[in-house]
């Protein structure tokens, strides 16, 4: 179960930078942006502003994991999470 790392150029806080994430994290980040109706660039700005000396790629991974963990631990919200979401980008799943 290998997940390719995809490097993308993004603009965060008005500065061009790059973020390297596994394809599953890019999909999850886009899913969060869609769920919250937040443009991807704005979401990245928020994540970047809240990080504590972590590189942006690590901060995004932590944000995604925290987002879905909090959703999974809220009983009322469990029905909103598709169980196959994280597996859809894994080969053979």
C-alpha atoms as a PDB file:
ATOM      1  CA  UNK A   1       0.000   0.000   0.000  1.00  0.00           C
ATOM      2  CA  UNK A   2       2.215   2.741  -1.317  1.00  0.00           C
ATOM      3  CA  UNK A   3       0.947   6.290  -1.501  1.00  0.00           C
ATOM      4  CA  UNK A   4       2.765   8.599  -3.861  1.00  0.00           C
ATOM      5  CA  UNK A   5       3.974  11.903  -2.475  1.00  0.00           C
ATOM      6  CA  UNK A   6       2.743  14.784  -4.573  1.00  0.00           C
ATOM      7  CA  UNK A   7       4.526  18.135  -4.425  1.00  0.00           C
ATOM      8  CA  UNK A   8       2.449  21.185  -5.245  1.00  0.00           C
ATOM      9  CA  UNK A   9       3.220  24.859  -5.392  1.00  0.00           C
ATOM     10  CA  UNK A  10       0.806  26.920  -3.327  1.00  0.00           C
ATOM     11  CA  UNK A  11       0.506  30.498  -2.133  1.00  0.00           C
ATOM     12  CA  UNK A  12       0.326  30.837   1.645  1.00  0.00           C
ATOM     13  CA  UNK A  13       0.083  34.221   3.315  1.00  0.00           C
ATOM     14  CA  UNK A  14       0.928  35.830  -0.015  1.00  0.00           C
ATOM     15  CA  UNK A  15       4.141  33.854  -0.496  1.00  0.00           C
ATOM     16  CA  UNK A  16       4.746  31.038  -2.949  1.00  0.00           C
ATOM     17  CA  UNK A  17       5.867  27.797  -1.312  1.00  0.00           C
ATOM     18  CA  UNK A  18       5.585  24.077  -1.918  1.00  0.00           C
ATOM     19  CA  UNK A  19       3.819  21.356   0.023  1.00  0.00           C
ATOM     20  CA  UNK A  20       4.669  17.672  -0.344  1.00  0.00           C
ATOM     21  CA  UNK A  21       1.880  15.331   0.732  1.00  0.00           C
ATOM     22  CA  UNK A  22       0.763  11.803   0.029  1.00  0.00           C
ATOM     23  CA  UNK A  23      -2.174  11.700  -2.366  1.00  0.00           C
ATOM     24  CA  UNK A  24      -4.487  10.567   0.446  1.00  0.00           C
ATOM     25  CA  UNK A  25      -3.734  13.736   2.408  1.00  0.00           C
ATOM     26  CA  UNK A  26      -4.374  15.925  -0.663  1.00  0.00           C
ATOM     27  CA  UNK A  27      -7.746  14.200  -1.097  1.00  0.00           C
ATOM     28  CA  UNK A  28      -8.554  14.625   2.591  1.00  0.00           C
ATOM     29  CA  UNK A  29      -7.565  18.292   2.538  1.00  0.00           C
ATOM     30  CA  UNK A  30      -9.822  18.893  -0.464  1.00  0.00           C
ATOM     31  CA  UNK A  31     -12.634  17.027   1.316  1.00  0.00           C
ATOM     32  CA  UNK A  32     -12.258  19.271   4.388  1.00  0.00           C
ATOM     33  CA  UNK A  33     -12.262  22.374   2.188  1.00  0.00           C
ATOM     34  CA  UNK A  34     -15.455  21.180   0.485  1.00  0.00           C
ATOM     35  CA  UNK A  35     -17.148  20.247   3.786  1.00  0.00           C
ATOM     36  CA  UNK A  36     -16.324  23.604   5.351  1.00  0.00           C
ATOM     37  CA  UNK A  37     -16.895  25.559   2.131  1.00  0.00           C
ATOM     38  CA  UNK A  38     -13.458  27.087   2.515  1.00  0.00           C
ATOM     39  CA  UNK A  39     -11.228  27.721  -0.503  1.00  0.00           C
ATOM     40  CA  UNK A  40      -8.162  25.473  -0.390  1.00  0.00           C
ATOM     41  CA  UNK A  41      -5.788  28.447  -0.304  1.00  0.00           C
ATOM     42  CA  UNK A  42      -7.618  29.962   2.643  1.00  0.00           C
ATOM     43  CA  UNK A  43      -7.552  26.625   4.476  1.00  0.00           C
ATOM     44  CA  UNK A  44      -3.800  26.383   3.915  1.00  0.00           C
ATOM     45  CA  UNK A  45      -3.419  29.942   5.252  1.00  0.00           C
ATOM     46  CA  UNK A  46      -5.304  28.926   8.414  1.00  0.00           C
ATOM     47  CA  UNK A  47      -3.199  25.796   8.870  1.00  0.00           C
ATOM     48  CA  UNK A  48       0.012  27.709   8.290  1.00  0.00           C
ATOM     49  CA  UNK A  49      -0.965  30.397  10.771  1.00  0.00           C
ATOM     50  CA  UNK A  50      -1.638  27.839  13.483  1.00  0.00           C
ATOM     51  CA  UNK A  51       1.514  25.768  13.176  1.00  0.00           C
ATOM     52  CA  UNK A  52       4.174  25.676  15.857  1.00  0.00           C
ATOM     53  CA  UNK A  53       7.521  25.564  14.069  1.00  0.00           C
ATOM     54  CA  UNK A  54       6.463  22.521  12.040  1.00  0.00           C
ATOM     55  CA  UNK A  55       6.982  22.558   8.305  1.00  0.00           C
ATOM     56  CA  UNK A  56       3.810  23.152   6.329  1.00  0.00           C
ATOM     57  CA  UNK A  57       3.553  19.582   5.043  1.00  0.00           C
ATOM     58  CA  UNK A  58       3.679  18.207   8.591  1.00  0.00           C
ATOM     59  CA  UNK A  59       1.207  20.824   9.794  1.00  0.00           C
ATOM     60  CA  UNK A  60      -1.247  19.835   7.052  1.00  0.00           C
ATOM     61  CA  UNK A  61      -0.955  16.130   7.951  1.00  0.00           C
ATOM     62  CA  UNK A  62      -1.590  16.931  11.626  1.00  0.00           C
ATOM     63  CA  UNK A  63      -4.545  19.158  10.756  1.00  0.00           C
ATOM     64  CA  UNK A  64      -6.135  16.489   8.556  1.00  0.00           C
ATOM     65  CA  UNK A  65      -5.676  13.786  11.173  1.00  0.00           C
ATOM     66  CA  UNK A  66      -7.056  15.993  13.958  1.00  0.00           C
ATOM     67  CA  UNK A  67     -10.027  16.988  11.802  1.00  0.00           C
ATOM     68  CA  UNK A  68     -11.093  13.433  11.015  1.00  0.00           C
ATOM     69  CA  UNK A  69     -10.242  12.145  14.498  1.00  0.00           C
ATOM     70  CA  UNK A  70     -12.518  14.755  16.062  1.00  0.00           C
ATOM     71  CA  UNK A  71     -15.254  13.823  13.584  1.00  0.00           C
ATOM     72  CA  UNK A  72     -14.856  10.126  14.371  1.00  0.00           C
ATOM     73  CA  UNK A  73     -15.097  10.682  18.114  1.00  0.00           C
ATOM     74  CA  UNK A  74     -18.308  12.727  17.915  1.00  0.00           C
ATOM     75  CA  UNK A  75     -21.216  10.238  17.888  1.00  0.00           C
ATOM     76  CA  UNK A  76     -23.605  12.534  15.985  1.00  0.00           C
ATOM     77  CA  UNK A  77     -21.064  13.206  13.244  1.00  0.00           C
ATOM     78  CA  UNK A  78     -20.023   9.602  12.587  1.00  0.00           C
ATOM     79  CA  UNK A  79     -22.636   9.192   9.874  1.00  0.00           C
ATOM     80  CA  UNK A  80     -20.960  11.967   7.844  1.00  0.00           C
ATOM     81  CA  UNK A  81     -17.668  10.091   7.444  1.00  0.00           C
ATOM     82  CA  UNK A  82     -17.442   7.711   4.523  1.00  0.00           C
ATOM     83  CA  UNK A  83     -15.652   4.585   5.820  1.00  0.00           C
ATOM     84  CA  UNK A  84     -13.874   4.052   2.492  1.00  0.00           C
ATOM     85  CA  UNK A  85     -12.639   7.646   2.153  1.00  0.00           C
ATOM     86  CA  UNK A  86      -9.025   6.999   3.114  1.00  0.00           C
ATOM     87  CA  UNK A  87      -8.855   3.766   1.151  1.00  0.00           C
ATOM     88  CA  UNK A  88     -10.091   5.166  -2.165  1.00  0.00           C
ATOM     89  CA  UNK A  89      -6.621   6.286  -3.228  1.00  0.00           C
ATOM     90  CA  UNK A  90      -4.823   3.132  -2.087  1.00  0.00           C
ATOM     91  CA  UNK A  91      -4.155   0.672  -4.886  1.00  0.00           C
ATOM     92  CA  UNK A  92      -6.197  -2.484  -4.669  1.00  0.00           C
ATOM     93  CA  UNK A  93      -8.737  -1.129  -2.182  1.00  0.00           C
END
